[in-house]
Amino acid sequence: MGLIKDIGSWRRGKKLQQRLRDLTGTLVVVTGAGSGIGRETALAFAAQGAILVVCDINLESAQDTASLINSPSHAGGAEAVFGGGAHAYQVDVADELAMTRFSETVGAQHGIPDIVVNNAGIGFSGTFADTTQSQFDRVMDINFWGVVYGCRAFSPMMIERGTGGHIVNLSSAAAYTPQKALTAYSTSKAAVFMLSDCLRAELLPHGIGVSTICPGLVNTNIVKTTEFAGTTAQEQMRNQTKADNFYRRRNFTPDRVASAIVNAVRTNKAVVPVTVEAKLGYGLSRYSPGSMRIGARFNAL
């Protein structure tokens, strides 16, 4: 009887998720929305008629995103029809209390979100030996705990409402493609990957889907702010410039990731490798994990 009851709850949950095939009038929260993938994701949902609540540690950049959405060319009808448009807040996702207060503000001022995109994150490069504990902590605090806090802050209110929803967690191809020079970063993203899989199973009966987005090399400003462990200031600047130039030549733009996120919500897709290298790496990690471990021995670009 227990199994039959579980299967029934799974079916009911899947039916609830189907309402998000039409995003018109939905309330969407996006963290780290001041630039890059976060900004483009906010714009993409707004273009589908969604109302946006965007946050970033930099308030001005979050406000810039909101202004773009509220302009006639990007609003997609959200502001005119639903009186919503976009609303900006300053939030440090690594601060659990700040995230809790943010969710309470969203609930009180705008309503319970239909979709939450935990996008905020930082880049970091360095071997385990070169990475200090404080550096490791910072990467985990933002990239992993920031996602945990976002899920913990918003999922209870979504469950209580009882009409389903969706949570999107930004992981990375680095979650399943080990590299010796990305130890802390890859660990944080792998933790997000597993958290999302576990949470997806838990939230299914409540009609709340969970998608794990795994971009590869995407041309965003995260590279310009990536810290390189065990380097001087001059070496750090040189490494950032080199990496940024490489990503620019690769030229996979963040709006393409945003499109994949919107599609993942509509179709309730569990894992979404976005770029070619992310898709290839995901396939190899599943069917030839040994080759991935061998690849990790080589120096990154």
C-alpha atoms as a PDB file:
ATOM      1  CA  MET A   1       0.000   0.000   0.000  1.00  0.00           C
ATOM      2  CA  GLY A   2       2.867   2.345   0.788  1.00  0.00           C
ATOM      3  CA  LEU A   3       4.343   1.943  -2.687  1.00  0.00           C
ATOM      4  CA  ILE A   4       0.972   2.492  -4.363  1.00  0.00           C
ATOM      5  CA  LYS A   5       0.490   5.647  -2.290  1.00  0.00           C
ATOM      6  CA  ASP A   6       3.950   6.895  -3.277  1.00  0.00           C
ATOM      7  CA  ILE A   7       3.328   6.277  -6.967  1.00  0.00           C
ATOM      8  CA  GLY A   8       0.049   8.162  -6.702  1.00  0.00           C
ATOM      9  CA  SER A   9       1.785  11.153  -5.138  1.00  0.00           C
ATOM     10  CA  TRP A  10       4.432  11.117  -7.874  1.00  0.00           C
ATOM     11  CA  ARG A  11       1.769  11.198 -10.561  1.00  0.00           C
ATOM     12  CA  ARG A  12      -0.069  14.051  -8.881  1.00  0.00           C
ATOM     13  CA  GLY A  13       3.218  15.925  -8.572  1.00  0.00           C
ATOM     14  CA  LYS A  14       3.980  15.535 -12.274  1.00  0.00           C
ATOM     15  CA  LYS A  15       0.558  16.900 -13.158  1.00  0.00           C
ATOM     16  CA  LEU A  16       1.153  19.976 -10.991  1.00  0.00           C
ATOM     17  CA  GLN A  17       4.445  20.642 -12.758  1.00  0.00           C
ATOM     18  CA  GLN A  18       2.719  20.819 -16.128  1.00  0.00           C
ATOM     19  CA  ARG A  19       1.235  24.234 -15.345  1.00  0.00           C
ATOM     20  CA  LEU A  20       4.686  25.758 -15.892  1.00  0.00           C
ATOM     21  CA  ARG A  21       4.557  24.976 -19.586  1.00  0.00           C
ATOM     22  CA  ASP A  22       2.999  28.429 -19.779  1.00  0.00           C
ATOM     23  CA  LEU A  23       5.148  30.938 -17.896  1.00  0.00           C
ATOM     24  CA  THR A  24       2.807  33.896 -18.317  1.00  0.00           C
ATOM     25  CA  GLY A  25       2.292  35.636 -14.977  1.00  0.00           C
ATOM     26  CA  THR A  26       4.610  33.347 -13.025  1.00  0.00           C
ATOM     27  CA  LEU A  27       6.812  34.824 -10.288  1.00  0.00           C
ATOM     28  CA  VAL A  28      10.486  34.031 -10.810  1.00  0.00           C
ATOM     29  CA  VAL A  29      13.360  34.653  -8.367  1.00  0.00           C
ATOM     30  CA  VAL A  30      16.904  34.751  -9.773  1.00  0.00           C
ATOM     31  CA  THR A  31      20.015  35.111  -7.601  1.00  0.00           C
ATOM     32  CA  GLY A  32      23.245  36.537  -8.965  1.00  0.00           C
ATOM     33  CA  ALA A  33      21.143  38.313 -11.577  1.00  0.00           C
ATOM     34  CA  GLY A  34      23.353  41.370 -11.928  1.00  0.00           C
ATOM     35  CA  SER A  35      25.259  40.026 -14.924  1.00  0.00           C
ATOM     36  CA  GLY A  36      26.069  37.032 -17.077  1.00  0.00           C
ATOM     37  CA  ILE A  37      23.855  33.956 -16.961  1.00  0.00           C
ATOM     38  CA  GLY A  38      21.748  35.390 -14.132  1.00  0.00           C
ATOM     39  CA  ARG A  39      20.876  38.551 -16.028  1.00  0.00           C
ATOM     40  CA  GLU A  40      20.135  36.725 -19.274  1.00  0.00           C
ATOM     41  CA  THR A  41      17.988  34.202 -17.395  1.00  0.00           C
ATOM     42  CA  ALA A  42      15.942  37.004 -15.866  1.00  0.00           C
ATOM     43  CA  LEU A  43      15.487  38.598 -19.298  1.00  0.00           C
ATOM     44  CA  ALA A  44      14.496  35.263 -20.829  1.00  0.00           C
ATOM     45  CA  PHE A  45      11.776  34.612 -18.254  1.00  0.00           C
ATOM     46  CA  ALA A  46      10.525  38.194 -18.543  1.00  0.00           C
ATOM     47  CA  ALA A  47      10.231  37.752 -22.307  1.00  0.00           C
ATOM     48  CA  GLN A  48       7.835  34.885 -21.586  1.00  0.00           C
ATOM     49  CA  GLY A  49       5.611  37.149 -19.494  1.00  0.00           C
ATOM     50  CA  ALA A  50       6.998  36.282 -16.071  1.00  0.00           C
ATOM     51  CA  ILE A  51       7.378  38.714 -13.165  1.00  0.00           C
ATOM     52  CA  LEU A  52      10.939  38.836 -11.840  1.00  0.00           C
ATOM     53  CA  VAL A  53      12.510  39.346  -8.442  1.00  0.00           C
ATOM     54  CA  VAL A  54      16.250  39.641  -9.003  1.00  0.00           C
ATOM     55  CA  CYS A  55      19.015  39.898  -6.458  1.00  0.00           C
ATOM     56  CA  ASP A  56      22.771  40.296  -6.472  1.00  0.00           C
ATOM     57  CA  ILE A  57      25.465  41.160  -3.960  1.00  0.00           C
ATOM     58  CA  ASN A  58      25.889  44.323  -6.055  1.00  0.00           C
ATOM     59  CA  LEU A  59      22.612  46.223  -5.784  1.00  0.00           C
ATOM     60  CA  GLU A  60      23.351  48.562  -8.669  1.00  0.00           C
ATOM     61  CA  SER A  61      23.867  45.679 -11.100  1.00  0.00           C
ATOM     62  CA  ALA A  62      20.638  44.038  -9.908  1.00  0.00           C
ATOM     63  CA  GLN A  63      18.823  47.336 -10.469  1.00  0.00           C
ATOM     64  CA  ASP A  64      20.306  47.547 -13.965  1.00  0.00           C
ATOM     65  CA  THR A  65      18.868  44.112 -14.735  1.00  0.00           C
ATOM     66  CA  ALA A  66      15.472  45.159 -13.392  1.00  0.00           C
ATOM     67  CA  SER A  67      15.578  48.306 -15.529  1.00  0.00           C
ATOM     68  CA  LEU A  68      16.299  46.254 -18.638  1.00  0.00           C
ATOM     69  CA  ILE A  69      13.316  44.034 -17.892  1.00  0.00           C
ATOM     70  CA  ASN A  70      11.040  46.981 -17.196  1.00  0.00           C
ATOM     71  CA  SER A  71      11.869  48.602 -20.520  1.00  0.00           C
ATOM     72  CA  PRO A  72       9.212  48.020 -23.220  1.00  0.00           C
ATOM     73  CA  SER A  73      11.555  45.988 -25.421  1.00  0.00           C
ATOM     74  CA  HIS A  74      12.206  43.330 -22.758  1.00  0.00           C
ATOM     75  CA  ALA A  75       9.160  43.255 -20.518  1.00  0.00           C
ATOM     76  CA  GLY A  76       7.263  40.800 -22.705  1.00  0.00           C
ATOM     77  CA  GLY A  77       3.970  42.103 -21.409  1.00  0.00           C
ATOM     78  CA  ALA A  78       4.666  41.220 -17.769  1.00  0.00           C
ATOM     79  CA  GLU A  79       4.572  44.777 -16.448  1.00  0.00           C
ATOM     80  CA  ALA A  80       1.598  45.940 -18.503  1.00  0.00           C
ATOM     81  CA  VAL A  81      -0.585  42.903 -17.862  1.00  0.00           C
ATOM     82  CA  PHE A  82       0.330  41.865 -14.360  1.00  0.00           C
ATOM     83  CA  GLY A  83       1.631  45.077 -12.827  1.00  0.00           C
ATOM     84  CA  GLY A  84       4.870  43.335 -12.060  1.00  0.00           C
ATOM     85  CA  GLY A  85       7.897  43.750 -14.269  1.00  0.00           C
ATOM     86  CA  ALA A  86      11.028  43.312 -12.153  1.00  0.00           C
ATOM     87  CA  HIS A  87      12.124  44.164  -8.625  1.00  0.00           C
ATOM     88  CA  ALA A  88      15.740  44.307  -7.441  1.00  0.00           C
ATOM     89  CA  TYR A  89      17.341  43.496  -4.078  1.00  0.00           C
ATOM     90  CA  GLN A  90      20.827  43.303  -2.618  1.00  0.00           C
ATOM     91  CA  VAL A  91      21.524  39.881  -1.111  1.00  0.00           C
ATOM     92  CA  ASP A  92      24.641  37.926  -0.155  1.00  0.00           C
ATOM     93  CA  VAL A  93      23.650  34.320  -0.876  1.00  0.00           C
ATOM     94  CA  ALA A  94      26.428  33.069   1.418  1.00  0.00           C
ATOM     95  CA  ASP A  95      24.614  34.628   4.390  1.00  0.00           C
ATOM     96  CA  GLU A  96      21.889  32.216   5.519  1.00  0.00           C
ATOM     97  CA  LEU A  97      20.039  34.823   7.572  1.00  0.00           C
ATOM     98  CA  ALA A  98      20.098  37.274   4.660  1.00  0.00           C
ATOM     99  CA  MET A  99      18.614  34.644   2.363  1.00  0.00           C
ATOM    100  CA  THR A 100      15.898  33.825   4.885  1.00  0.00           C
ATOM    101  CA  ARG A 101      14.986  37.497   5.210  1.00  0.00           C
ATOM    102  CA  PHE A 102      15.034  37.857   1.436  1.00  0.00           C
ATOM    103  CA  SER A 103      12.554  34.998   1.022  1.00  0.00           C
ATOM    104  CA  GLU A 104      10.306  36.519   3.673  1.00  0.00           C
ATOM    105  CA  THR A 105      10.403  39.870   1.868  1.00  0.00           C
ATOM    106  CA  VAL A 106       9.608  38.251  -1.449  1.00  0.00           C
ATOM    107  CA  GLY A 107       6.672  36.390   0.075  1.00  0.00           C
ATOM    108  CA  ALA A 108       5.302  39.506   1.762  1.00  0.00           C
ATOM    109  CA  GLN A 109       5.871  41.983  -1.077  1.00  0.00           C
ATOM    110  CA  HIS A 110       5.476  39.913  -4.230  1.00  0.00           C
ATOM    111  CA  GLY A 111       4.002  36.539  -3.336  1.00  0.00           C
ATOM    112  CA  ILE A 112       5.283  32.994  -3.304  1.00  0.00           C
ATOM    113  CA  PRO A 113       7.588  32.299  -6.256  1.00  0.00           C
ATOM    114  CA  ASP A 114       6.706  29.725  -8.861  1.00  0.00           C
ATOM    115  CA  ILE A 115      10.323  29.369  -9.948  1.00  0.00           C
ATOM    116  CA  VAL A 116      13.575  29.929  -8.059  1.00  0.00           C
ATOM    117  CA  VAL A 117      16.880  30.046  -9.944  1.00  0.00           C
ATOM    118  CA  ASN A 118      19.897  29.632  -7.656  1.00  0.00           C
ATOM    119  CA  ASN A 119      22.464  31.074 -10.030  1.00  0.00           C
ATOM    120  CA  ALA A 120      24.909  33.118  -7.916  1.00  0.00           C
ATOM    121  CA  GLY A 121      28.446  31.757  -7.950  1.00  0.00           C
ATOM    122  CA  ILE A 122      32.136  32.541  -8.296  1.00  0.00           C
ATOM    123  CA  GLY A 123      35.021  31.064 -10.228  1.00  0.00           C
ATOM    124  CA  PHE A 124      38.184  29.758  -8.606  1.00  0.00           C
ATOM    125  CA  SER A 125      41.254  28.018  -9.972  1.00  0.00           C
ATOM    126  CA  GLY A 126      43.922  26.188  -7.990  1.00  0.00           C
ATOM    127  CA  THR A 127      45.182  22.795  -6.934  1.00  0.00           C
ATOM    128  CA  PHE A 128      44.277  21.471  -3.510  1.00  0.00           C
ATOM    129  CA  ALA A 129      47.807  22.148  -2.224  1.00  0.00           C
ATOM    130  CA  ASP A 130      47.719  25.773  -3.368  1.00  0.00           C
ATOM    131  CA  THR A 131      44.193  26.478  -2.118  1.00  0.00           C
ATOM    132  CA  THR A 132      44.040  27.815   1.435  1.00  0.00           C
ATOM    133  CA  GLN A 133      41.249  26.758   3.759  1.00  0.00           C
ATOM    134  CA  SER A 134      39.758  30.242   3.729  1.00  0.00           C
ATOM    135  CA  GLN A 135      39.682  30.196  -0.078  1.00  0.00           C
ATOM    136  CA  PHE A 136      38.059  26.755  -0.089  1.00  0.00           C
ATOM    137  CA  ASP A 137      35.489  27.958   2.446  1.00  0.00           C
ATOM    138  CA  ARG A 138      34.605  31.002   0.349  1.00  0.00           C
ATOM    139  CA  VAL A 139      34.032  28.915  -2.784  1.00  0.00           C
ATOM    140  CA  MET A 140      31.826  26.471  -0.872  1.00  0.00           C
ATOM    141  CA  ASP A 141      29.980  29.268   0.952  1.00  0.00           C
ATOM    142  CA  ILE A 142      28.875  30.929  -2.273  1.00  0.00           C
ATOM    143  CA  ASN A 143      28.691  28.108  -4.817  1.00  0.00           C
ATOM    144  CA  PHE A 144      27.252  25.380  -2.587  1.00  0.00           C
ATOM    145  CA  TRP A 145      25.842  26.819   0.626  1.00  0.00           C
ATOM    146  CA  GLY A 146      24.315  29.713  -1.327  1.00  0.00           C
ATOM    147  CA  VAL A 147      22.306  27.151  -3.285  1.00  0.00           C
ATOM    148  CA  VAL A 148      21.376  25.269  -0.110  1.00  0.00           C
ATOM    149  CA  TYR A 149      20.193  28.487   1.531  1.00  0.00           C
ATOM    150  CA  GLY A 150      18.149  29.394  -1.536  1.00  0.00           C
ATOM    151  CA  CYS A 151      16.458  25.994  -1.596  1.00  0.00           C
ATOM    152  CA  ARG A 152      15.863  26.045   2.148  1.00  0.00           C
ATOM    153  CA  ALA A 153      14.487  29.596   2.126  1.00  0.00           C
ATOM    154  CA  PHE A 154      11.959  29.156  -0.671  1.00  0.00           C
ATOM    155  CA  SER A 155      10.978  25.485  -0.867  1.00  0.00           C
ATOM    156  CA  PRO A 156       8.879  25.399   2.370  1.00  0.00           C
ATOM    157  CA  MET A 157       6.606  28.201   1.177  1.00  0.00           C
ATOM    158  CA  MET A 158       6.291  26.560  -2.241  1.00  0.00           C
ATOM    159  CA  ILE A 159       5.354  23.256  -0.578  1.00  0.00           C
ATOM    160  CA  GLU A 160       2.843  24.929   1.720  1.00  0.00           C
ATOM    161  CA  ARG A 161       1.109  26.691  -1.166  1.00  0.00           C
ATOM    162  CA  GLY A 162       0.495  23.308  -2.763  1.00  0.00           C
ATOM    163  CA  THR A 163       0.437  24.314  -6.423  1.00  0.00           C
ATOM    164  CA  GLY A 164       3.873  23.060  -7.447  1.00  0.00           C
ATOM    165  CA  GLY A 165       6.769  25.013  -8.866  1.00  0.00           C
ATOM    166  CA  HIS A 166      10.348  24.621  -9.981  1.00  0.00           C
ATOM    167  CA  ILE A 167      13.847  25.103  -8.570  1.00  0.00           C
ATOM    168  CA  VAL A 168      16.817  25.584 -10.880  1.00  0.00           C
ATOM    169  CA  ASN A 169      20.317  25.077  -9.478  1.00  0.00           C
ATOM    170  CA  LEU A 170      23.371  26.184 -11.432  1.00  0.00           C
ATOM    171  CA  SER A 171      26.041  23.529 -11.322  1.00  0.00           C
ATOM    172  CA  SER A 172      28.745  23.130 -13.977  1.00  0.00           C
ATOM    173  CA  ALA A 173      30.371  20.652 -16.307  1.00  0.00           C
ATOM    174  CA  ALA A 174      33.145  20.792 -13.708  1.00  0.00           C
ATOM    175  CA  ALA A 175      30.823  18.794 -11.421  1.00  0.00           C
ATOM    176  CA  TYR A 176      31.565  15.627 -13.406  1.00  0.00           C
ATOM    177  CA  THR A 177      34.800  16.486 -15.234  1.00  0.00           C
ATOM    178  CA  PRO A 178      37.532  16.412 -12.554  1.00  0.00           C
ATOM    179  CA  GLN A 179      40.504  18.719 -13.069  1.00  0.00           C
ATOM    180  CA  LYS A 180      43.404  19.019 -10.682  1.00  0.00           C
ATOM    181  CA  ALA A 181      43.481  22.803 -11.046  1.00  0.00           C
ATOM    182  CA  LEU A 182      39.797  23.224 -10.153  1.00  0.00           C
ATOM    183  CA  THR A 183      39.577  21.250  -6.922  1.00  0.00           C
ATOM    184  CA  ALA A 184      37.515  23.658  -4.823  1.00  0.00           C
ATOM    185  CA  TYR A 185      35.331  24.835  -7.704  1.00  0.00           C
ATOM    186  CA  SER A 186      34.609  21.329  -8.999  1.00  0.00           C
ATOM    187  CA  THR A 187      33.842  20.105  -5.481  1.00  0.00           C
ATOM    188  CA  SER A 188      31.333  22.915  -4.919  1.00  0.00           C
ATOM    189  CA  LYS A 189      29.583  22.228  -8.219  1.00  0.00           C
ATOM    190  CA  ALA A 190      29.541  18.460  -7.691  1.00  0.00           C
ATOM    191  CA  ALA A 191      27.876  19.072  -4.330  1.00  0.00           C
ATOM    192  CA  VAL A 192      25.201  21.173  -6.053  1.00  0.00           C
ATOM    193  CA  PHE A 193      24.692  18.378  -8.579  1.00  0.00           C
ATOM    194  CA  MET A 194      24.027  15.742  -5.916  1.00  0.00           C
ATOM    195  CA  LEU A 195      21.943  18.092  -3.762  1.00  0.00           C
ATOM    196  CA  SER A 196      19.708  18.728  -6.763  1.00  0.00           C
ATOM    197  CA  ASP A 197      19.218  15.035  -7.516  1.00  0.00           C
ATOM    198  CA  CYS A 198      18.264  14.315  -3.899  1.00  0.00           C
ATOM    199  CA  LEU A 199      15.981  17.338  -3.717  1.00  0.00           C
ATOM    200  CA  ARG A 200      14.265  16.411  -6.964  1.00  0.00           C
ATOM    201  CA  ALA A 201      13.207  13.080  -5.478  1.00  0.00           C
ATOM    202  CA  GLU A 202      12.020  14.718  -2.257  1.00  0.00           C
ATOM    203  CA  LEU A 203       9.988  17.471  -3.894  1.00  0.00           C
ATOM    204  CA  LEU A 204       8.327  15.408  -6.628  1.00  0.00           C
ATOM    205  CA  PRO A 205       5.220  14.593  -4.544  1.00  0.00           C
ATOM    206  CA  HIS A 206       4.741  18.328  -4.002  1.00  0.00           C
ATOM    207  CA  GLY A 207       4.806  19.059  -7.719  1.00  0.00           C
ATOM    208  CA  ILE A 208       8.093  20.951  -7.479  1.00  0.00           C
ATOM    209  CA  GLY A 209      10.624  20.090 -10.148  1.00  0.00           C
ATOM    210  CA  VAL A 210      14.377  20.534  -9.774  1.00  0.00           C
ATOM    211  CA  SER A 211      16.758  21.094 -12.683  1.00  0.00           C
ATOM    212  CA  THR A 212      20.544  20.998 -12.551  1.00  0.00           C
ATOM    213  CA  ILE A 213      22.131  23.238 -15.192  1.00  0.00           C
ATOM    214  CA  CYS A 214      25.684  22.356 -16.208  1.00  0.00           C
ATOM    215  CA  PRO A 215      27.329  24.926 -18.484  1.00  0.00           C
ATOM    216  CA  GLY A 216      30.800  24.447 -19.871  1.00  0.00           C
ATOM    217  CA  LEU A 217      32.841  27.333 -21.243  1.00  0.00           C
ATOM    218  CA  VAL A 218      30.522  30.336 -21.294  1.00  0.00           C
ATOM    219  CA  ASN A 219      31.640  33.873 -22.061  1.00  0.00           C
ATOM    220  CA  THR A 220      30.671  35.778 -18.894  1.00  0.00           C
ATOM    221  CA  ASN A 221      32.447  38.205 -16.589  1.00  0.00           C
ATOM    222  CA  ILE A 222      32.997  35.453 -13.989  1.00  0.00           C
ATOM    223  CA  VAL A 223      36.396  34.782 -15.570  1.00  0.00           C
ATOM    224  CA  LYS A 224      37.527  38.349 -14.949  1.00  0.00           C
ATOM    225  CA  THR A 225      36.914  37.914 -11.227  1.00  0.00           C
ATOM    226  CA  THR A 226      38.174  34.334 -10.909  1.00  0.00           C
ATOM    227  CA  GLU A 227      40.839  33.971  -8.247  1.00  0.00           C
ATOM    228  CA  PHE A 228      43.911  31.860  -8.994  1.00  0.00           C
ATOM    229  CA  ALA A 229      45.428  30.199  -5.954  1.00  0.00           C
ATOM    230  CA  GLY A 230      49.133  30.477  -5.191  1.00  0.00           C
ATOM    231  CA  THR A 231      49.810  33.373  -7.572  1.00  0.00           C
ATOM    232  CA  THR A 232      51.065  36.917  -7.221  1.00  0.00           C
ATOM    233  CA  ALA A 233      48.821  39.852  -8.101  1.00  0.00           C
ATOM    234  CA  GLN A 234      50.631  40.227 -11.428  1.00  0.00           C
ATOM    235  CA  GLU A 235      50.311  36.516 -12.224  1.00  0.00           C
ATOM    236  CA  GLN A 236      46.659  36.612 -11.231  1.00  0.00           C
ATOM    237  CA  MET A 237      45.919  39.443 -13.647  1.00  0.00           C
ATOM    238  CA  ARG A 238      47.805  37.673 -16.414  1.00  0.00           C
ATOM    239  CA  ASN A 239      45.879  34.423 -15.829  1.00  0.00           C
ATOM    240  CA  GLN A 240      42.539  36.253 -15.766  1.00  0.00           C
ATOM    241  CA  THR A 241      43.319  38.003 -19.041  1.00  0.00           C
ATOM    242  CA  LYS A 242      44.434  34.755 -20.684  1.00  0.00           C
ATOM    243  CA  ALA A 243      41.306  32.905 -19.551  1.00  0.00           C
ATOM    244  CA  ASP A 244      39.017  35.773 -20.525  1.00  0.00           C
ATOM    245  CA  ASN A 245      40.524  35.913 -24.014  1.00  0.00           C
ATOM    246  CA  PHE A 246      40.024  32.178 -24.420  1.00  0.00           C
ATOM    247  CA  TYR A 247      36.390  32.364 -23.323  1.00  0.00           C
ATOM    248  CA  ARG A 248      35.812  35.300 -25.678  1.00  0.00           C
ATOM    249  CA  ARG A 249      37.175  33.296 -28.610  1.00  0.00           C
ATOM    250  CA  ARG A 250      34.957  30.382 -27.579  1.00  0.00           C
ATOM    251  CA  ASN A 251      32.064  32.894 -27.600  1.00  0.00           C
ATOM    252  CA  PHE A 252      29.290  30.743 -26.147  1.00  0.00           C
ATOM    253  CA  THR A 253      27.010  33.483 -24.880  1.00  0.00           C
ATOM    254  CA  PRO A 254      25.025  33.392 -21.603  1.00  0.00           C
ATOM    255  CA  ASP A 255      21.694  33.951 -23.326  1.00  0.00           C
ATOM    256  CA  ARG A 256      22.009  30.430 -24.745  1.00  0.00           C
ATOM    257  CA  VAL A 257      22.292  29.063 -21.216  1.00  0.00           C
ATOM    258  CA  ALA A 258      19.265  31.140 -20.250  1.00  0.00           C
ATOM    259  CA  SER A 259      17.251  29.566 -23.072  1.00  0.00           C
ATOM    260  CA  ALA A 260      18.228  26.121 -21.803  1.00  0.00           C
ATOM    261  CA  ILE A 261      17.067  27.079 -18.299  1.00  0.00           C
ATOM    262  CA  VAL A 262      13.656  28.254 -19.506  1.00  0.00           C
ATOM    263  CA  ASN A 263      13.250  25.051 -21.521  1.00  0.00           C
ATOM    264  CA  ALA A 264      14.304  22.928 -18.525  1.00  0.00           C
ATOM    265  CA  VAL A 265      11.559  24.486 -16.413  1.00  0.00           C
ATOM    266  CA  ARG A 266       8.917  23.996 -19.092  1.00  0.00           C
ATOM    267  CA  THR A 267       9.854  20.357 -19.683  1.00  0.00           C
ATOM    268  CA  ASN A 268      10.894  19.547 -16.090  1.00  0.00           C
ATOM    269  CA  LYS A 269      14.270  18.266 -17.242  1.00  0.00           C
ATOM    270  CA  ALA A 270      16.521  16.946 -14.485  1.00  0.00           C
ATOM    271  CA  VAL A 271      20.079  17.469 -15.782  1.00  0.00           C
ATOM    272  CA  VAL A 272      20.956  19.927 -18.541  1.00  0.00           C
ATOM    273  CA  PRO A 273      24.524  19.985 -19.899  1.00  0.00           C
ATOM    274  CA  VAL A 274      24.518  23.080 -22.071  1.00  0.00           C
ATOM    275  CA  THR A 275      27.656  23.432 -24.184  1.00  0.00           C
ATOM    276  CA  VAL A 276      29.220  20.819 -26.467  1.00  0.00           C
ATOM    277  CA  GLU A 277      32.039  20.105 -24.032  1.00  0.00           C
ATOM    278  CA  ALA A 278      29.554  19.827 -21.159  1.00  0.00           C
ATOM    279  CA  LYS A 279      27.496  17.271 -23.081  1.00  0.00           C
ATOM    280  CA  LEU A 280      30.585  15.297 -24.093  1.00  0.00           C
ATOM    281  CA  GLY A 281      31.930  15.333 -20.551  1.00  0.00           C
ATOM    282  CA  TYR A 282      28.594  14.189 -19.152  1.00  0.00           C
ATOM    283  CA  GLY A 283      28.513  11.254 -21.542  1.00  0.00           C
ATOM    284  CA  LEU A 284      32.081  10.244 -20.716  1.00  0.00           C
ATOM    285  CA  SER A 285      31.468  10.561 -16.973  1.00  0.00           C
ATOM    286  CA  ARG A 286      28.586   8.095 -17.268  1.00  0.00           C
ATOM    287  CA  TYR A 287      30.066   5.563 -19.679  1.00  0.00           C
ATOM    288  CA  SER A 288      33.817   5.912 -19.187  1.00  0.00           C
ATOM    289  CA  PRO A 289      34.541   7.437 -15.757  1.00  0.00           C
ATOM    290  CA  GLY A 290      38.081   6.057 -15.823  1.00  0.00           C
ATOM    291  CA  SER A 291      38.945   8.236 -18.811  1.00  0.00           C
ATOM    292  CA  MET A 292      37.788  11.279 -16.857  1.00  0.00           C
ATOM    293  CA  ARG A 293      40.113  10.435 -13.991  1.00  0.00           C
ATOM    294  CA  ILE A 294      43.008  10.090 -16.399  1.00  0.00           C
ATOM    295  CA  GLY A 295      42.100  13.419 -17.996  1.00  0.00           C
ATOM    296  CA  ALA A 296      42.218  15.095 -14.616  1.00  0.00           C
ATOM    297  CA  ARG A 297      45.977  14.514 -14.461  1.00  0.00           C
ATOM    298  CA  PHE A 298      46.652  16.979 -17.266  1.00  0.00           C
ATOM    299  CA  ASN A 299      46.944  20.719 -16.854  1.00  0.00           C
ATOM    300  CA  ALA A 300      43.914  22.789 -17.807  1.00  0.00           C
ATOM    301  CA  LEU A 301      44.042  25.382 -20.579  1.00  0.00           C
END
